[in-house]
C-alpha atoms as a PDB file:
ATOM      1  CA  MET A   1     267.202   0.619 175.213  1.00  0.00           C
ATOM      2  CA  GLY A   2     269.577   0.121 172.277  1.00  0.00           C
ATOM      3  CA  PRO A   3     270.021   2.264 169.162  1.00  0.00           C
ATOM      4  CA  ASP A   4     267.889  -0.091 167.051  1.00  0.00           C
ATOM      5  CA  TYR A   5     264.973   0.262 169.452  1.00  0.00           C
ATOM      6  CA  ILE A   6     265.373   4.052 169.545  1.00  0.00           C
ATOM      7  CA  PHE A   7     265.407   4.146 165.733  1.00  0.00           C
ATOM      8  CA  VAL A   8     262.175   2.149 165.512  1.00  0.00           C
ATOM      9  CA  LEU A   9     260.587   4.250 168.267  1.00  0.00           C
ATOM     10  CA  ALA A  10     261.434   7.490 166.448  1.00  0.00           C
ATOM     11  CA  LEU A  11     260.135   6.095 163.151  1.00  0.00           C
ATOM     12  CA  VAL A  12     256.851   4.939 164.700  1.00  0.00           C
ATOM     13  CA  CYS A  13     256.366   8.270 166.477  1.00  0.00           C
ATOM     14  CA  PHE A  14     256.754  10.126 163.196  1.00  0.00           C
ATOM     15  CA  LEU A  15     254.470   7.759 161.305  1.00  0.00           C
ATOM     16  CA  SER A  16     251.918   7.895 164.126  1.00  0.00           C
ATOM     17  CA  VAL A  17     251.205  11.499 163.148  1.00  0.00           C
ATOM     18  CA  ILE A  18     250.570  10.392 159.563  1.00  0.00           C
ATOM     19  CA  GLN A  19     248.351   7.484 160.638  1.00  0.00           C
ATOM     20  CA  SER A  20     246.442   9.738 163.008  1.00  0.00           C
ATOM     21  CA  ILE A  21     245.525  11.963 160.067  1.00  0.00           C
ATOM     22  CA  PHE A  22     245.100   9.497 157.204  1.00  0.00           C
ATOM     23  CA  GLY A  23     244.188   6.253 158.973  1.00  0.00           C
ATOM     24  CA  LEU A  24     247.309   4.487 157.728  1.00  0.00           C
ATOM     25  CA  GLY A  25     251.030   5.082 157.787  1.00  0.00           C
ATOM     26  CA  ILE A  26     252.737   2.920 160.399  1.00  0.00           C
ATOM     27  CA  LEU A  27     252.471  -0.305 158.398  1.00  0.00           C
ATOM     28  CA  VAL A  28     252.388   0.956 154.825  1.00  0.00           C
ATOM     29  CA  PHE A  29     255.375   3.288 155.280  1.00  0.00           C
ATOM     30  CA  GLY A  30     257.104   1.689 158.261  1.00  0.00           C
ATOM     31  CA  THR A  31     257.424  -1.756 156.659  1.00  0.00           C
ATOM     32  CA  PRO A  32     259.502  -0.701 153.628  1.00  0.00           C
ATOM     33  CA  THR A  33     261.584   1.603 155.833  1.00  0.00           C
ATOM     34  CA  LEU A  34     262.536  -1.217 158.189  1.00  0.00           C
ATOM     35  CA  LEU A  35     263.133  -3.654 155.318  1.00  0.00           C
ATOM     36  CA  LEU A  36     265.455  -1.166 153.633  1.00  0.00           C
ATOM     37  CA  ALA A  37     267.203  -0.645 156.990  1.00  0.00           C
ATOM     38  CA  GLY A  38     268.021  -4.352 157.099  1.00  0.00           C
ATOM     39  CA  TYR A  39     265.297  -5.753 159.342  1.00  0.00           C
ATOM     40  CA  ASP A  40     263.696  -9.045 158.362  1.00  0.00           C
ATOM     41  CA  PHE A  41     259.983  -9.060 157.530  1.00  0.00           C
ATOM     42  CA  ILE A  42     258.728 -10.776 160.698  1.00  0.00           C
ATOM     43  CA  SER A  43     260.761  -8.499 162.989  1.00  0.00           C
ATOM     44  CA  ALA A  44     259.486  -5.460 161.089  1.00  0.00           C
ATOM     45  CA  ILE A  45     255.811  -6.297 161.499  1.00  0.00           C
ATOM     46  CA  GLY A  46     256.450  -7.307 165.122  1.00  0.00           C
ATOM     47  CA  TYR A  47     257.654  -3.771 165.828  1.00  0.00           C
ATOM     48  CA  LEU A  48     254.858  -2.073 163.904  1.00  0.00           C
ATOM     49  CA  VAL A  49     251.582  -3.941 164.438  1.00  0.00           C
ATOM     50  CA  PRO A  50     251.174  -3.139 168.171  1.00  0.00           C
ATOM     51  CA  ALA A  51     251.439   0.598 167.461  1.00  0.00           C
ATOM     52  CA  SER A  52     249.083   0.345 164.499  1.00  0.00           C
ATOM     53  CA  PHE A  53     246.621  -1.588 166.671  1.00  0.00           C
ATOM     54  CA  VAL A  54     246.534   1.133 169.345  1.00  0.00           C
ATOM     55  CA  ILE A  55     245.934   4.009 166.914  1.00  0.00           C
ATOM     56  CA  SER A  56     243.367   2.091 164.849  1.00  0.00           C
ATOM     57  CA  LEU A  57     241.498   1.141 168.036  1.00  0.00           C
ATOM     58  CA  LEU A  58     241.447   4.763 169.210  1.00  0.00           C
ATOM     59  CA  GLN A  59     240.219   5.922 165.798  1.00  0.00           C
ATOM     60  CA  VAL A  60     237.416   3.348 165.723  1.00  0.00           C
ATOM     61  CA  ILE A  61     236.350   4.313 169.250  1.00  0.00           C
ATOM     62  CA  ASN A  62     236.515   7.988 168.326  1.00  0.00           C
ATOM     63  CA  ASN A  63     234.113   7.404 165.391  1.00  0.00           C
ATOM     64  CA  ARG A  64     231.898   4.804 167.028  1.00  0.00           C
ATOM     65  CA  SER A  65     228.762   6.919 166.385  1.00  0.00           C
ATOM     66  CA  SER A  66     229.070   6.473 162.612  1.00  0.00           C
ATOM     67  CA  GLN A  67     226.397   4.271 161.019  1.00  0.00           C
ATOM     68  CA  LYS A  68     228.439   3.375 157.930  1.00  0.00           C
ATOM     69  CA  LYS A  69     228.553  -0.378 157.421  1.00  0.00           C
ATOM     70  CA  ILE A  70     231.734  -2.399 156.898  1.00  0.00           C
ATOM     71  CA  SER A  71     231.629  -5.063 154.190  1.00  0.00           C
ATOM     72  CA  TRP A  72     231.313  -8.639 155.453  1.00  0.00           C
ATOM     73  CA  HIS A  73     233.982  -9.529 152.877  1.00  0.00           C
ATOM     74  CA  LEU A  74     236.523  -8.143 155.348  1.00  0.00           C
ATOM     75  CA  TYR A  75     235.806 -10.917 157.851  1.00  0.00           C
ATOM     76  CA  ALA A  76     234.857 -13.805 155.561  1.00  0.00           C
ATOM     77  CA  ILE A  77     237.481 -13.345 152.836  1.00  0.00           C
ATOM     78  CA  CYS A  78     240.140 -10.728 153.609  1.00  0.00           C
ATOM     79  CA  LEU A  79     241.220 -11.885 157.073  1.00  0.00           C
ATOM     80  CA  PRO A  80     241.629 -15.556 156.057  1.00  0.00           C
ATOM     81  CA  ALA A  81     243.668 -14.360 153.055  1.00  0.00           C
ATOM     82  CA  ILE A  82     245.985 -12.473 155.431  1.00  0.00           C
ATOM     83  CA  GLY A  83     246.486 -15.725 157.299  1.00  0.00           C
ATOM     84  CA  ILE A  84     247.335 -17.531 154.066  1.00  0.00           C
ATOM     85  CA  GLY A  85     249.820 -14.819 153.142  1.00  0.00           C
ATOM     86  CA  LEU A  86     251.572 -14.955 156.508  1.00  0.00           C
ATOM     87  CA  TRP A  87     251.641 -18.753 156.362  1.00  0.00           C
ATOM     88  CA  ILE A  88     253.385 -18.524 152.976  1.00  0.00           C
ATOM     89  CA  VAL A  89     255.903 -16.095 154.459  1.00  0.00           C
ATOM     90  CA  GLN A  90     256.729 -18.581 157.234  1.00  0.00           C
ATOM     91  CA  GLY A  91     260.145 -20.056 156.584  1.00  0.00           C
ATOM     92  CA  THR A  92     260.311 -18.523 153.112  1.00  0.00           C
ATOM     93  CA  ASP A  93     263.068 -16.313 151.725  1.00  0.00           C
ATOM     94  CA  MET A  94     261.017 -13.498 150.174  1.00  0.00           C
ATOM     95  CA  GLY A  95     264.006 -11.956 148.397  1.00  0.00           C
ATOM     96  CA  SER A  96     264.166  -8.632 146.532  1.00  0.00           C
ATOM     97  CA  TRP A  97     260.926  -9.317 144.640  1.00  0.00           C
ATOM     98  CA  LEU A  98     259.111  -8.386 147.864  1.00  0.00           C
ATOM     99  CA  HIS A  99     260.505  -4.863 147.609  1.00  0.00           C
ATOM    100  CA  TYR A 100     259.402  -4.617 143.969  1.00  0.00           C
ATOM    101  CA  LEU A 101     255.906  -5.747 144.897  1.00  0.00           C
ATOM    102  CA  ILE A 102     255.767  -3.154 147.676  1.00  0.00           C
ATOM    103  CA  GLY A 103     256.913  -0.298 145.439  1.00  0.00           C
ATOM    104  CA  VAL A 104     254.670  -1.190 142.512  1.00  0.00           C
ATOM    105  CA  THR A 105     251.651  -1.642 144.793  1.00  0.00           C
ATOM    106  CA  LEU A 106     252.125   1.825 146.268  1.00  0.00           C
ATOM    107  CA  ILE A 107     252.571   3.489 142.867  1.00  0.00           C
ATOM    108  CA  ILE A 108     249.512   1.786 141.392  1.00  0.00           C
ATOM    109  CA  ALA A 109     247.452   2.835 144.402  1.00  0.00           C
ATOM    110  CA  ALA A 110     248.603   6.460 144.101  1.00  0.00           C
ATOM    111  CA  THR A 111     248.036   6.548 140.337  1.00  0.00           C
ATOM    112  CA  LEU A 112     244.464   5.319 140.716  1.00  0.00           C
ATOM    113  CA  ARG A 113     243.857   8.040 143.313  1.00  0.00           C
ATOM    114  CA  LEU A 114     245.078  10.927 141.148  1.00  0.00           C
ATOM    115  CA  LYS A 115     241.579  11.833 139.956  1.00  0.00           C
ATOM    116  CA  GLY A 116     239.317  13.453 142.517  1.00  0.00           C
ATOM    117  CA  SER A 117     236.454  11.151 141.505  1.00  0.00           C
ATOM    118  CA  PRO A 118     237.232   7.486 140.832  1.00  0.00           C
ATOM    119  CA  PRO A 119     236.548   6.305 137.263  1.00  0.00           C
ATOM    120  CA  MET A 120     233.184   4.643 136.777  1.00  0.00           C
ATOM    121  CA  ALA A 121     235.007   1.541 135.572  1.00  0.00           C
ATOM    122  CA  LEU A 122     236.868   1.350 138.910  1.00  0.00           C
ATOM    123  CA  SER A 123     233.669   1.811 140.914  1.00  0.00           C
ATOM    124  CA  SER A 124     231.943  -0.887 138.892  1.00  0.00           C
ATOM    125  CA  PHE A 125     234.931  -3.202 139.258  1.00  0.00           C
ATOM    126  CA  LEU A 126     235.065  -2.808 143.031  1.00  0.00           C
ATOM    127  CA  GLN A 127     231.346  -3.499 143.353  1.00  0.00           C
ATOM    128  CA  THR A 128     231.297  -6.480 140.997  1.00  0.00           C
ATOM    129  CA  TYR A 129     234.516  -8.099 142.145  1.00  0.00           C
ATOM    130  CA  SER A 130     234.492  -7.106 145.813  1.00  0.00           C
ATOM    131  CA  PRO A 131     235.141 -10.678 147.056  1.00  0.00           C
ATOM    132  CA  ALA A 132     238.136 -11.101 144.729  1.00  0.00           C
ATOM    133  CA  TYR A 133     239.445  -7.634 145.620  1.00  0.00           C
ATOM    134  CA  HIS A 134     239.235  -8.394 149.331  1.00  0.00           C
ATOM    135  CA  PHE A 135     241.068 -11.685 148.791  1.00  0.00           C
ATOM    136  CA  VAL A 136     243.894 -10.006 146.858  1.00  0.00           C
ATOM    137  CA  MET A 137     244.080  -7.220 149.442  1.00  0.00           C
ATOM    138  CA  GLY A 138     244.374  -9.786 152.226  1.00  0.00           C
ATOM    139  CA  MET A 139     247.068 -11.756 150.403  1.00  0.00           C
ATOM    140  CA  VAL A 140     249.044  -8.581 149.706  1.00  0.00           C
ATOM    141  CA  HIS A 141     248.808  -7.597 153.353  1.00  0.00           C
ATOM    142  CA  GLY A 142     249.828 -11.027 154.573  1.00  0.00           C
ATOM    143  CA  LEU A 143     252.802 -11.154 152.213  1.00  0.00           C
ATOM    144  CA  THR A 144     253.971  -7.530 152.393  1.00  0.00           C
ATOM    145  CA  ASN A 145     252.147  -5.726 155.244  1.00  0.00           C
ATOM    146  CA  LEU A 146     250.946  -3.262 152.583  1.00  0.00           C
ATOM    147  CA  GLY A 147     247.295  -4.115 152.150  1.00  0.00           C
ATOM    148  CA  GLY A 148     246.641  -0.505 153.147  1.00  0.00           C
ATOM    149  CA  ALA A 149     247.729   0.588 149.678  1.00  0.00           C
ATOM    150  CA  LEU A 150     244.754  -1.255 148.190  1.00  0.00           C
ATOM    151  CA  LEU A 151     242.551  -0.324 151.139  1.00  0.00           C
ATOM    152  CA  THR A 152     242.857   3.392 150.390  1.00  0.00           C
ATOM    153  CA  ILE A 153     241.481   2.770 146.886  1.00  0.00           C
ATOM    154  CA  LEU A 154     238.512   0.915 148.318  1.00  0.00           C
ATOM    155  CA  ALA A 155     237.764   3.398 151.098  1.00  0.00           C
ATOM    156  CA  SER A 156     238.113   6.458 148.848  1.00  0.00           C
ATOM    157  CA  ASN A 157     235.817   4.903 146.276  1.00  0.00           C
ATOM    158  CA  VAL A 158     233.082   4.176 148.827  1.00  0.00           C
ATOM    159  CA  HIS A 159     233.357   7.400 150.850  1.00  0.00           C
ATOM    160  CA  LYS A 160     234.162  11.034 150.060  1.00  0.00           C
ATOM    161  CA  ASP A 161     234.202  12.601 153.530  1.00  0.00           C
ATOM    162  CA  LYS A 162     237.540  12.329 155.344  1.00  0.00           C
ATOM    163  CA  GLU A 163     235.831  11.140 158.546  1.00  0.00           C
ATOM    164  CA  ASP A 164     234.230   8.196 156.746  1.00  0.00           C
ATOM    165  CA  VAL A 165     237.411   7.341 154.832  1.00  0.00           C
ATOM    166  CA  ARG A 166     239.557   7.343 157.971  1.00  0.00           C
ATOM    167  CA  ARG A 167     236.980   5.356 159.938  1.00  0.00           C
ATOM    168  CA  THR A 168     236.774   2.698 157.203  1.00  0.00           C
ATOM    169  CA  VAL A 169     240.556   2.443 156.928  1.00  0.00           C
ATOM    170  CA  ALA A 170     240.924   2.296 160.720  1.00  0.00           C
ATOM    171  CA  HIS A 171     238.251  -0.421 161.048  1.00  0.00           C
ATOM    172  CA  TYR A 172     239.942  -2.573 158.399  1.00  0.00           C
ATOM    173  CA  TYR A 173     243.381  -1.961 159.891  1.00  0.00           C
ATOM    174  CA  LEU A 174     242.164  -2.896 163.352  1.00  0.00           C
ATOM    175  CA  ALA A 175     240.953  -6.234 161.986  1.00  0.00           C
ATOM    176  CA  PHE A 176     244.198  -6.636 159.998  1.00  0.00           C
ATOM    177  CA  VAL A 177     246.488  -6.181 162.985  1.00  0.00           C
ATOM    178  CA  ILE A 178     244.401  -8.348 165.316  1.00  0.00           C
ATOM    179  CA  ILE A 179     244.743 -11.332 162.968  1.00  0.00           C
ATOM    180  CA  GLN A 180     248.430 -10.517 162.443  1.00  0.00           C
ATOM    181  CA  ILE A 181     249.119 -10.395 166.183  1.00  0.00           C
ATOM    182  CA  LEU A 182     247.377 -13.744 166.680  1.00  0.00           C
ATOM    183  CA  LEU A 183     249.362 -15.334 163.859  1.00  0.00           C
ATOM    184  CA  LEU A 184     252.658 -13.817 165.027  1.00  0.00           C
ATOM    185  CA  VAL A 185     252.101 -15.452 168.393  1.00  0.00           C
ATOM    186  CA  ILE A 186     250.861 -18.806 167.040  1.00  0.00           C
ATOM    187  CA  LEU A 187     252.961 -19.294 163.895  1.00  0.00           C
ATOM    188  CA  PHE A 188     256.113 -17.353 164.712  1.00  0.00           C
ATOM    189  CA  GLU A 189     256.186 -17.506 168.548  1.00  0.00           C
ATOM    190  CA  GLN A 190     256.651 -13.736 168.738  1.00  0.00           C
ATOM    191  CA  GLY A 191     254.634 -13.203 171.929  1.00  0.00           C
ATOM    192  CA  GLU A 192     257.565 -12.019 174.014  1.00  0.00           C
ATOM    193  CA  GLU A 193     258.781  -9.677 171.268  1.00  0.00           C
ATOM    194  CA  LEU A 194     255.327  -8.126 170.946  1.00  0.00           C
ATOM    195  CA  LEU A 195     255.224  -7.491 174.693  1.00  0.00           C
ATOM    196  CA  ASN A 196     258.658  -5.864 174.506  1.00  0.00           C
ATOM    197  CA  ASN A 197     257.296  -3.509 171.841  1.00  0.00           C
ATOM    198  CA  LEU A 198     254.388  -2.276 173.984  1.00  0.00           C
ATOM    199  CA  PRO A 199     256.226   0.974 174.934  1.00  0.00           C
ATOM    200  CA  ILE A 200     256.354   1.835 171.231  1.00  0.00           C
ATOM    201  CA  ALA A 201     252.612   1.188 170.964  1.00  0.00           C
ATOM    202  CA  LEU A 202     251.886   3.367 173.999  1.00  0.00           C
ATOM    203  CA  ALA A 203     253.971   6.182 172.510  1.00  0.00           C
ATOM    204  CA  ALA A 204     251.939   5.920 169.296  1.00  0.00           C
ATOM    205  CA  GLY A 205     248.695   6.173 171.248  1.00  0.00           C
ATOM    206  CA  ALA A 206     249.933   9.241 173.134  1.00  0.00           C
ATOM    207  CA  ILE A 207     250.858  10.962 169.872  1.00  0.00           C
ATOM    208  CA  PHE A 208     247.392  10.281 168.469  1.00  0.00           C
ATOM    209  CA  LEU A 209     245.676  11.765 171.534  1.00  0.00           C
ATOM    210  CA  LEU A 210     247.971  14.755 171.995  1.00  0.00           C
ATOM    211  CA  VAL A 211     248.855  15.732 168.426  1.00  0.00           C
ATOM    212  CA  GLY A 212     247.616  13.586 165.561  1.00  0.00           C
ATOM    213  CA  ASN A 213     243.860  13.698 166.041  1.00  0.00           C
ATOM    214  CA  ARG A 214     243.939  17.465 166.553  1.00  0.00           C
ATOM    215  CA  LEU A 215     245.730  17.868 163.228  1.00  0.00           C
ATOM    216  CA  PHE A 216     243.143  15.614 161.566  1.00  0.00           C
ATOM    217  CA  LEU A 217     240.281  17.794 162.792  1.00  0.00           C
ATOM    218  CA  LYS A 218     241.946  20.840 161.233  1.00  0.00           C
ATOM    219  CA  THR A 219     242.571  19.099 157.892  1.00  0.00           C
ATOM    220  CA  SER A 220     240.261  19.893 154.963  1.00  0.00           C
ATOM    221  CA  ASN A 221     238.860  17.177 152.697  1.00  0.00           C
ATOM    222  CA  PRO A 222     240.907  18.248 149.619  1.00  0.00           C
ATOM    223  CA  PHE A 223     244.144  18.378 151.626  1.00  0.00           C
ATOM    224  CA  TYR A 224     243.373  14.991 153.123  1.00  0.00           C
ATOM    225  CA  HIS A 225     242.891  13.264 149.752  1.00  0.00           C
ATOM    226  CA  HIS A 226     245.780  15.023 147.958  1.00  0.00           C
ATOM    227  CA  GLY A 227     248.122  14.440 150.875  1.00  0.00           C
ATOM    228  CA  LEU A 228     247.338  10.733 151.025  1.00  0.00           C
ATOM    229  CA  THR A 229     247.942  10.362 147.279  1.00  0.00           C
ATOM    230  CA  ALA A 230     251.250  12.246 147.429  1.00  0.00           C
ATOM    231  CA  LEU A 231     252.539  10.212 150.374  1.00  0.00           C
ATOM    232  CA  THR A 232     251.645   6.912 148.736  1.00  0.00           C
ATOM    233  CA  PHE A 233     253.255   7.792 145.397  1.00  0.00           C
ATOM    234  CA  ALA A 234     256.429   9.250 146.925  1.00  0.00           C
ATOM    235  CA  TYR A 235     257.073   6.206 149.070  1.00  0.00           C
ATOM    236  CA  GLY A 236     256.469   3.833 146.158  1.00  0.00           C
ATOM    237  CA  ILE A 237     259.132   5.646 144.138  1.00  0.00           C
ATOM    238  CA  ALA A 238     261.539   5.716 147.098  1.00  0.00           C
ATOM    239  CA  VAL A 239     261.263   1.974 147.660  1.00  0.00           C
ATOM    240  CA  LEU A 240     261.914   1.140 143.995  1.00  0.00           C
ATOM    241  CA  VAL A 241     264.867   3.511 143.747  1.00  0.00           C
ATOM    242  CA  ALA A 242     266.426   2.116 146.916  1.00  0.00           C
ATOM    243  CA  ILE A 243     266.414  -1.526 145.715  1.00  0.00           C
END
């Protein structure tokens, strides 16, 4: 186990606590961290998606009694858009503009979350243009691994209770990473690398069961929403400053 693997393992373990509480964290914060550390995009998501899959799966199972429906736009529009985004990434030099897109996406997401109640205009927009929003979210996730930044806006607009927000985010993320894993194997022949990263995924699952979910249960709704906004904004600024 080399120093690079230990670094990624430590990063994922830390971010697993955040994802256990907020429903996201490993991809949306781990991707820019690994890119800034010098990892290429495909290697970065190869390290992160197995761990995100395990925690999202555990969160969905943990909230399986919920009757809240998930939009069909996730399956019919968003997932194909992720595939298009990853296909575009294949063999393409993304360059520094990828970092700018990541940082700006995070800051916009945090800014739109600053108010406790979403503006009526935003609610109306998300309802009227849900198909287009899901397509853009999928493309952003395929290209940058940061569709979660837009997902938090959607989930927070639809739900107010932290349980419902985290369940919605986890359900979307589970679908996101399943399609990403399939495409990493088919398009990028990363099957062996994904298997090598299973210990990292198992560590993430253990952290969720032993620490993260317990912290989530003790977290109040206001702390949950303010904490998610602060994390998103801070990381957006950090990515832009580090370019």
